[in-house]
Amino acid sequence: MKYINIKEYIKNSDSKMLKRIPGFAVKIIERIVRQEEINRLINDYSEYQGPEFLGKVLEDLNIKIDFSGLENLPETGKCFFVANHPFGLMDSMILNSTIGKHYGEIKSIGNEVFNFIPNLSNLIVSVNVFGKNSREAILELNKVYHSELPI
């Protein structure tokens, strides 16, 4: 099944900027984001959700993680983790996988494009970074910010 379809996403976007991207550039973007590999991973690990799914993806990509200092994390309670994305999506995947293993339920705020990955639906609270956010999206963000979940 094809979950990620950059061409369709751009076509259906409410962003005038995105709709101006020429077809050849869309194909380049599809290759850069590795659209086909992402779809393979989603299909291969369809029975996994949230941080567990991310852990399987990291394992599939043969990415080894070695952390120190996890014992310094608070046992419970609200806390925020921030990634500056110096390595693109990878740092977010590692952070969510690791923090999810430690705390169980967590929420992560991310681009609405993650809504296309059903394995992340219980993890991601989405925001529209290219257009307007719906009232429902803003209410969901507010709900998460007021929860006791690690974000």
N, C-alpha and C. Protein backbone atom coordinates (compact mmCIF):
# COMPACT_ATOMS: atom_id res chain seq x y z
N MET A 1 0.85 -1.18 0.00
CA MET A 1 0.00 0.00 0.00
C MET A 1 0.89 1.25 0.00
N LYS A 2 0.45 2.28 -0.67
CA LYS A 2 1.23 3.52 -0.77
C LYS A 2 0.64 4.57 0.17
N TYR A 3 1.30 4.76 1.31
CA TYR A 3 0.84 5.72 2.31
C TYR A 3 1.37 7.12 2.02
N ILE A 4 2.63 7.19 1.62
CA ILE A 4 3.26 8.47 1.34
C ILE A 4 3.23 8.71 -0.16
N ASN A 5 2.59 9.80 -0.56
CA ASN A 5 2.48 10.16 -1.96
C ASN A 5 2.66 11.68 -2.05
N ILE A 6 3.90 12.08 -2.24
CA ILE A 6 4.25 13.51 -2.24
C ILE A 6 3.44 14.28 -3.29
N LYS A 7 3.33 13.69 -4.47
CA LYS A 7 2.60 14.36 -5.56
C LYS A 7 1.16 14.66 -5.15
N GLU A 8 0.48 13.68 -4.56
CA GLU A 8 -0.91 13.87 -4.12
C GLU A 8 -1.01 14.87 -2.97
N TYR A 9 -0.05 14.79 -2.05
CA TYR A 9 -0.05 15.71 -0.91
C TYR A 9 0.04 17.15 -1.40
N ILE A 10 0.94 17.40 -2.33
CA ILE A 10 1.10 18.75 -2.86
C ILE A 10 -0.14 19.18 -3.62
N LYS A 11 -0.69 18.28 -4.42
CA LYS A 11 -1.89 18.58 -5.21
C LYS A 11 -3.08 18.95 -4.31
N ASN A 12 -3.21 18.27 -3.18
CA ASN A 12 -4.35 18.49 -2.28
C ASN A 12 -4.07 19.53 -1.19
N SER A 13 -2.87 20.09 -1.17
CA SER A 13 -2.50 21.07 -0.16
C SER A 13 -3.26 22.38 -0.38
N ASP A 14 -3.46 23.11 0.71
CA ASP A 14 -4.07 24.44 0.59
C ASP A 14 -3.00 25.52 0.48
N SER A 15 -1.75 25.10 0.27
CA SER A 15 -0.64 26.04 0.16
C SER A 15 -0.39 26.43 -1.29
N LYS A 16 -0.47 27.71 -1.55
CA LYS A 16 -0.18 28.21 -2.90
C LYS A 16 1.29 27.97 -3.25
N MET A 17 2.16 28.10 -2.25
CA MET A 17 3.58 27.89 -2.47
C MET A 17 3.86 26.46 -2.94
N LEU A 18 3.28 25.47 -2.26
CA LEU A 18 3.52 24.08 -2.63
C LEU A 18 2.97 23.77 -4.02
N LYS A 19 1.83 24.32 -4.35
CA LYS A 19 1.20 24.04 -5.65
C LYS A 19 2.01 24.59 -6.83
N ARG A 20 2.95 25.49 -6.56
CA ARG A 20 3.80 26.05 -7.62
C ARG A 20 4.99 25.17 -7.96
N ILE A 21 5.23 24.13 -7.19
CA ILE A 21 6.38 23.27 -7.43
C ILE A 21 6.17 22.49 -8.73
N PRO A 22 7.10 22.60 -9.68
CA PRO A 22 6.94 21.89 -10.95
C PRO A 22 7.09 20.37 -10.78
N GLY A 23 6.50 19.63 -11.72
CA GLY A 23 6.49 18.17 -11.66
C GLY A 23 7.86 17.54 -11.50
N PHE A 24 8.87 18.04 -12.24
CA PHE A 24 10.20 17.45 -12.15
C PHE A 24 10.77 17.62 -10.74
N ALA A 25 10.44 18.75 -10.09
CA ALA A 25 10.92 19.00 -8.73
C ALA A 25 10.22 18.06 -7.74
N VAL A 26 8.96 17.76 -7.99
CA VAL A 26 8.22 16.82 -7.13
C VAL A 26 8.89 15.46 -7.18
N LYS A 27 9.29 15.02 -8.36
CA LYS A 27 9.98 13.72 -8.50
C LYS A 27 11.31 13.72 -7.74
N ILE A 28 12.00 14.84 -7.78
CA ILE A 28 13.27 14.95 -7.03
C ILE A 28 12.98 14.86 -5.53
N ILE A 29 11.94 15.54 -5.08
CA ILE A 29 11.57 15.50 -3.66
C ILE A 29 11.22 14.08 -3.25
N GLU A 30 10.48 13.36 -4.11
CA GLU A 30 10.12 11.97 -3.81
C GLU A 30 11.37 11.11 -3.60
N ARG A 31 12.39 11.34 -4.41
CA ARG A 31 13.64 10.58 -4.27
C ARG A 31 14.40 11.02 -3.03
N ILE A 32 14.43 12.31 -2.76
CA ILE A 32 15.17 12.81 -1.59
C ILE A 32 14.57 12.26 -0.30
N VAL A 33 13.25 12.27 -0.19
CA VAL A 33 12.61 11.79 1.04
C VAL A 33 12.50 10.27 1.07
N ARG A 34 12.90 9.63 -0.02
CA ARG A 34 12.89 8.17 -0.14
C ARG A 34 11.48 7.61 0.05
N GLN A 35 10.58 8.18 -0.71
CA GLN A 35 9.16 7.85 -0.62
C GLN A 35 8.91 6.34 -0.69
N GLU A 36 9.53 5.66 -1.63
CA GLU A 36 9.29 4.22 -1.79
C GLU A 36 9.79 3.43 -0.59
N GLU A 37 10.95 3.79 -0.04
CA GLU A 37 11.47 3.09 1.12
C GLU A 37 10.59 3.33 2.35
N ILE A 38 10.11 4.55 2.50
CA ILE A 38 9.22 4.85 3.62
C ILE A 38 7.95 4.00 3.51
N ASN A 39 7.38 3.90 2.32
CA ASN A 39 6.18 3.08 2.14
C ASN A 39 6.47 1.61 2.44
N ARG A 40 7.66 1.13 2.07
CA ARG A 40 8.02 -0.26 2.38
C ARG A 40 8.08 -0.46 3.89
N LEU A 41 8.72 0.47 4.61
CA LEU A 41 8.84 0.34 6.06
C LEU A 41 7.47 0.36 6.74
N ILE A 42 6.60 1.24 6.28
CA ILE A 42 5.25 1.30 6.86
C ILE A 42 4.53 -0.02 6.65
N ASN A 43 4.65 -0.59 5.48
CA ASN A 43 4.00 -1.87 5.19
C ASN A 43 4.64 -3.02 5.96
N ASP A 44 5.97 -3.06 6.01
CA ASP A 44 6.66 -4.15 6.69
C ASP A 44 6.38 -4.19 8.19
N TYR A 45 6.17 -3.03 8.80
CA TYR A 45 5.96 -2.97 10.25
C TYR A 45 4.58 -2.42 10.61
N SER A 46 3.61 -2.76 9.80
CA SER A 46 2.25 -2.23 9.97
C SER A 46 1.61 -2.63 11.30
N GLU A 47 2.07 -3.71 11.92
CA GLU A 47 1.45 -4.14 13.18
C GLU A 47 2.02 -3.41 14.40
N TYR A 48 3.00 -2.56 14.20
CA TYR A 48 3.62 -1.81 15.30
C TYR A 48 3.13 -0.36 15.29
N GLN A 49 3.07 0.25 16.47
CA GLN A 49 2.59 1.61 16.62
C GLN A 49 3.57 2.47 17.41
N GLY A 50 3.56 3.77 17.14
CA GLY A 50 4.30 4.75 17.92
C GLY A 50 5.78 4.45 18.06
N PRO A 51 6.30 4.61 19.30
CA PRO A 51 7.73 4.40 19.53
C PRO A 51 8.20 2.98 19.16
N GLU A 52 7.34 2.00 19.34
CA GLU A 52 7.72 0.62 18.97
C GLU A 52 7.93 0.51 17.46
N PHE A 53 7.07 1.15 16.67
CA PHE A 53 7.25 1.20 15.22
C PHE A 53 8.57 1.87 14.86
N LEU A 54 8.85 3.00 15.50
CA LEU A 54 10.10 3.73 15.23
C LEU A 54 11.31 2.87 15.56
N GLY A 55 11.23 2.12 16.66
CA GLY A 55 12.32 1.21 17.02
C GLY A 55 12.56 0.16 15.95
N LYS A 56 11.48 -0.38 15.39
CA LYS A 56 11.61 -1.38 14.31
C LYS A 56 12.22 -0.76 13.06
N VAL A 57 11.84 0.46 12.75
CA VAL A 57 12.40 1.15 11.58
C VAL A 57 13.90 1.37 11.78
N LEU A 58 14.28 1.85 12.96
CA LEU A 58 15.70 2.08 13.24
C LEU A 58 16.48 0.77 13.14
N GLU A 59 15.89 -0.30 13.65
CA GLU A 59 16.52 -1.63 13.57
C GLU A 59 16.67 -2.05 12.11
N ASP A 60 15.62 -1.86 11.31
CA ASP A 60 15.65 -2.22 9.89
C ASP A 60 16.74 -1.45 9.15
N LEU A 61 16.93 -0.19 9.53
CA LEU A 61 17.94 0.66 8.90
C LEU A 61 19.33 0.43 9.49
N ASN A 62 19.42 -0.53 10.42
CA ASN A 62 20.67 -0.91 11.06
C ASN A 62 21.33 0.26 11.80
N ILE A 63 20.49 1.03 12.47
CA ILE A 63 20.97 2.17 13.25
C ILE A 63 21.08 1.74 14.71
N LYS A 64 22.27 1.82 15.23
CA LYS A 64 22.54 1.44 16.61
C LYS A 64 22.57 2.71 17.46
N ILE A 65 21.92 2.62 18.62
CA ILE A 65 21.83 3.79 19.51
C ILE A 65 22.47 3.42 20.84
N ASP A 66 23.31 4.30 21.33
CA ASP A 66 23.94 4.11 22.63
C ASP A 66 23.76 5.40 23.42
N PHE A 67 22.91 5.35 24.43
CA PHE A 67 22.63 6.52 25.26
C PHE A 67 23.29 6.36 26.61
N SER A 68 23.60 7.49 27.19
CA SER A 68 24.02 7.50 28.59
C SER A 68 23.21 8.59 29.29
N GLY A 69 22.96 8.40 30.55
CA GLY A 69 22.26 9.42 31.33
C GLY A 69 20.75 9.25 31.39
N LEU A 70 20.21 8.17 30.82
CA LEU A 70 18.76 7.98 30.87
C LEU A 70 18.25 7.89 32.30
N GLU A 71 19.11 7.47 33.21
CA GLU A 71 18.71 7.37 34.62
C GLU A 71 18.42 8.75 35.22
N ASN A 72 18.84 9.80 34.55
CA ASN A 72 18.59 11.16 35.05
C ASN A 72 17.22 11.71 34.64
N LEU A 73 16.51 10.98 33.81
CA LEU A 73 15.18 11.43 33.41
C LEU A 73 14.23 11.31 34.59
N PRO A 74 13.29 12.26 34.73
CA PRO A 74 12.31 12.13 35.82
C PRO A 74 11.48 10.86 35.61
N GLU A 75 11.12 10.23 36.71
CA GLU A 75 10.35 8.98 36.61
C GLU A 75 8.96 9.20 36.01
N THR A 76 8.28 10.24 36.46
CA THR A 76 6.94 10.54 35.96
C THR A 76 6.78 12.04 35.84
N GLY A 77 5.64 12.42 35.35
CA GLY A 77 5.34 13.84 35.29
C GLY A 77 5.59 14.44 33.93
N LYS A 78 5.07 15.60 33.77
CA LYS A 78 5.19 16.31 32.50
C LYS A 78 6.62 16.76 32.28
N CYS A 79 7.12 16.54 31.09
CA CYS A 79 8.44 17.03 30.71
C CYS A 79 8.45 17.23 29.19
N PHE A 80 9.30 18.12 28.74
CA PHE A 80 9.41 18.45 27.32
C PHE A 80 10.80 18.05 26.82
N PHE A 81 10.82 17.46 25.63
CA PHE A 81 12.07 17.11 24.96
C PHE A 81 12.08 17.84 23.63
N VAL A 82 13.21 18.44 23.30
CA VAL A 82 13.29 19.26 22.10
C VAL A 82 14.43 18.75 21.23
N ALA A 83 14.15 18.59 19.94
CA ALA A 83 15.17 18.21 18.97
C ALA A 83 15.31 19.35 17.98
N ASN A 84 16.52 19.74 17.72
CA ASN A 84 16.78 20.82 16.78
C ASN A 84 16.92 20.28 15.35
N HIS A 85 16.80 19.02 15.18
CA HIS A 85 16.86 18.35 13.88
C HIS A 85 18.14 18.60 13.09
N PRO A 86 19.30 18.50 13.73
CA PRO A 86 20.53 18.69 12.95
C PRO A 86 20.75 17.57 11.94
N PHE A 87 20.12 16.42 12.16
CA PHE A 87 20.27 15.30 11.24
C PHE A 87 18.94 14.95 10.59
N GLY A 88 18.07 15.93 10.43
CA GLY A 88 16.80 15.70 9.78
C GLY A 88 15.85 14.91 10.66
N LEU A 89 15.17 14.00 10.05
CA LEU A 89 14.15 13.20 10.73
C LEU A 89 14.75 12.20 11.71
N MET A 90 15.98 11.80 11.48
CA MET A 90 16.58 10.72 12.27
C MET A 90 16.63 11.03 13.77
N ASP A 91 16.99 12.24 14.14
CA ASP A 91 17.06 12.56 15.57
C ASP A 91 15.69 12.47 16.23
N SER A 92 14.66 12.86 15.52
CA SER A 92 13.31 12.77 16.05
C SER A 92 12.89 11.31 16.23
N MET A 93 13.23 10.47 15.26
CA MET A 93 12.90 9.04 15.38
C MET A 93 13.60 8.42 16.59
N ILE A 94 14.88 8.73 16.75
CA ILE A 94 15.66 8.18 17.87
C ILE A 94 15.10 8.70 19.19
N LEU A 95 14.83 10.00 19.26
CA LEU A 95 14.31 10.60 20.49
C LEU A 95 12.96 10.00 20.87
N ASN A 96 12.04 9.91 19.93
CA ASN A 96 10.71 9.36 20.23
C ASN A 96 10.77 7.88 20.59
N SER A 97 11.61 7.12 19.91
CA SER A 97 11.75 5.71 20.23
C SER A 97 12.30 5.53 21.65
N THR A 98 13.33 6.26 21.98
CA THR A 98 13.98 6.13 23.29
C THR A 98 13.09 6.63 24.42
N ILE A 99 12.52 7.82 24.24
CA ILE A 99 11.66 8.39 25.28
C ILE A 99 10.40 7.54 25.45
N GLY A 100 9.87 7.03 24.33
CA GLY A 100 8.70 6.16 24.39
C GLY A 100 8.96 4.89 25.17
N LYS A 101 10.14 4.31 25.01
CA LYS A 101 10.50 3.10 25.77
C LYS A 101 10.57 3.42 27.26
N HIS A 102 11.05 4.60 27.59
CA HIS A 102 11.23 4.98 28.99
C HIS A 102 9.90 5.30 29.67
N TYR A 103 9.02 6.05 28.98
CA TYR A 103 7.79 6.53 29.62
C TYR A 103 6.53 5.78 29.22
N GLY A 104 6.57 5.05 28.14
CA GLY A 104 5.34 4.43 27.66
C GLY A 104 4.61 5.40 26.75
N GLU A 105 3.54 5.98 27.23
CA GLU A 105 2.77 6.91 26.41
C GLU A 105 3.43 8.28 26.37
N ILE A 106 3.62 8.80 25.17
CA ILE A 106 4.16 10.14 24.95
C ILE A 106 3.41 10.78 23.79
N LYS A 107 3.60 12.05 23.61
CA LYS A 107 3.06 12.76 22.45
C LYS A 107 4.19 13.56 21.82
N SER A 108 4.15 13.65 20.51
CA SER A 108 5.15 14.41 19.78
C SER A 108 4.44 15.35 18.83
N ILE A 109 4.89 16.58 18.78
CA ILE A 109 4.29 17.57 17.90
C ILE A 109 5.08 17.55 16.60
N GLY A 110 4.37 17.38 15.49
CA GLY A 110 5.06 17.26 14.21
C GLY A 110 4.23 17.74 13.04
N ASN A 111 4.88 17.85 11.92
CA ASN A 111 4.26 18.25 10.66
C ASN A 111 3.07 17.34 10.35
N GLU A 112 2.02 17.91 9.81
CA GLU A 112 0.81 17.13 9.50
C GLU A 112 1.07 16.03 8.48
N VAL A 113 2.19 16.07 7.78
CA VAL A 113 2.50 15.02 6.82
C VAL A 113 2.62 13.67 7.53
N PHE A 114 2.92 13.67 8.83
CA PHE A 114 3.01 12.42 9.58
C PHE A 114 1.65 11.74 9.72
N ASN A 115 0.56 12.45 9.44
CA ASN A 115 -0.76 11.84 9.47
C ASN A 115 -0.89 10.73 8.42
N PHE A 116 -0.02 10.75 7.43
CA PHE A 116 -0.05 9.72 6.39
C PHE A 116 0.58 8.41 6.85
N ILE A 117 1.22 8.42 7.99
CA ILE A 117 1.84 7.20 8.53
C ILE A 117 0.95 6.70 9.66
N PRO A 118 0.10 5.72 9.37
CA PRO A 118 -0.87 5.27 10.39
C PRO A 118 -0.19 4.75 11.66
N ASN A 119 1.03 4.27 11.56
CA ASN A 119 1.76 3.73 12.70
C ASN A 119 2.11 4.82 13.72
N LEU A 120 1.97 6.08 13.33
CA LEU A 120 2.32 7.19 14.23
C LEU A 120 1.10 7.95 14.72
N SER A 121 -0.10 7.48 14.37
CA SER A 121 -1.32 8.22 14.71
C SER A 121 -1.51 8.40 16.21
N ASN A 122 -1.05 7.46 17.03
CA ASN A 122 -1.21 7.60 18.48
C ASN A 122 -0.06 8.40 19.11
N LEU A 123 0.91 8.80 18.32
CA LEU A 123 2.08 9.50 18.82
C LEU A 123 2.10 10.98 18.44
N ILE A 124 1.76 11.29 17.20
CA ILE A 124 1.93 12.63 16.65
C ILE A 124 0.68 13.50 16.83
N VAL A 125 0.90 14.70 17.32
CA VAL A 125 -0.11 15.75 17.30
C VAL A 125 0.35 16.68 16.19
N SER A 126 -0.43 16.78 15.14
CA SER A 126 0.06 17.44 13.93
C SER A 126 -0.26 18.93 13.86
N VAL A 127 0.66 19.63 13.17
CA VAL A 127 0.48 21.04 12.86
C VAL A 127 0.73 21.23 11.37
N ASN A 128 0.00 22.15 10.80
CA ASN A 128 0.16 22.47 9.39
C ASN A 128 1.23 23.56 9.29
N VAL A 129 2.39 23.21 8.74
CA VAL A 129 3.48 24.17 8.67
C VAL A 129 3.46 25.00 7.39
N PHE A 130 2.57 24.67 6.44
CA PHE A 130 2.50 25.39 5.17
C PHE A 130 1.22 26.19 5.00
N GLY A 131 0.28 26.00 5.89
CA GLY A 131 -1.00 26.70 5.77
C GLY A 131 -1.59 26.98 7.13
N LYS A 132 -2.90 27.07 7.17
CA LYS A 132 -3.60 27.36 8.42
C LYS A 132 -3.90 26.07 9.17
N ASN A 133 -3.86 26.16 10.49
CA ASN A 133 -4.25 25.05 11.34
C ASN A 133 -5.73 25.17 11.67
N SER A 134 -6.40 24.03 11.65
CA SER A 134 -7.82 24.02 11.96
C SER A 134 -8.03 24.28 13.45
N ARG A 135 -9.23 24.66 13.78
CA ARG A 135 -9.59 24.86 15.19
C ARG A 135 -9.39 23.57 15.97
N GLU A 136 -9.75 22.43 15.36
CA GLU A 136 -9.60 21.13 16.01
C GLU A 136 -8.13 20.84 16.32
N ALA A 137 -7.24 21.18 15.38
CA ALA A 137 -5.81 20.94 15.58
C ALA A 137 -5.28 21.80 16.74
N ILE A 138 -5.73 23.02 16.80
CA ILE A 138 -5.29 23.91 17.87
C ILE A 138 -5.82 23.43 19.23
N LEU A 139 -7.06 22.96 19.26
CA LEU A 139 -7.63 22.42 20.50
C LEU A 139 -6.88 21.16 20.94
N GLU A 140 -6.49 20.33 19.99
CA GLU A 140 -5.73 19.11 20.32
C GLU A 140 -4.36 19.47 20.89
N LEU A 141 -3.70 20.45 20.30
CA LEU A 141 -2.41 20.91 20.83
C LEU A 141 -2.57 21.41 22.26
N ASN A 142 -3.59 22.21 22.48
CA ASN A 142 -3.85 22.75 23.81
C ASN A 142 -4.09 21.62 24.81
N LYS A 143 -4.83 20.62 24.40
CA LYS A 143 -5.11 19.46 25.26
C LYS A 143 -3.82 18.75 25.64
N VAL A 144 -2.94 18.54 24.67
CA VAL A 144 -1.68 17.87 24.94
C VAL A 144 -0.80 18.70 25.86
N TYR A 145 -0.72 20.01 25.62
CA TYR A 145 0.09 20.88 26.47
C TYR A 145 -0.39 20.87 27.93
N HIS A 146 -1.69 20.67 28.12
CA HIS A 146 -2.23 20.65 29.48
C HIS A 146 -2.25 19.25 30.11
N SER A 147 -1.82 18.26 29.36
CA SER A 147 -1.80 16.88 29.89
C SER A 147 -0.54 16.67 30.73
N GLU A 148 -0.45 15.53 31.34
CA GLU A 148 0.75 15.16 32.13
C GLU A 148 1.70 14.28 31.33
N LEU A 149 1.46 14.16 30.04
CA LEU A 149 2.31 13.31 29.19
C LEU A 149 3.63 13.99 28.84
N PRO A 150 4.68 13.21 28.73
CA PRO A 150 5.92 13.77 28.18
C PRO A 150 5.68 14.16 26.73
N ILE A 151 6.21 15.31 26.33
CA ILE A 151 6.03 15.83 24.97
C ILE A 151 7.40 15.97 24.34
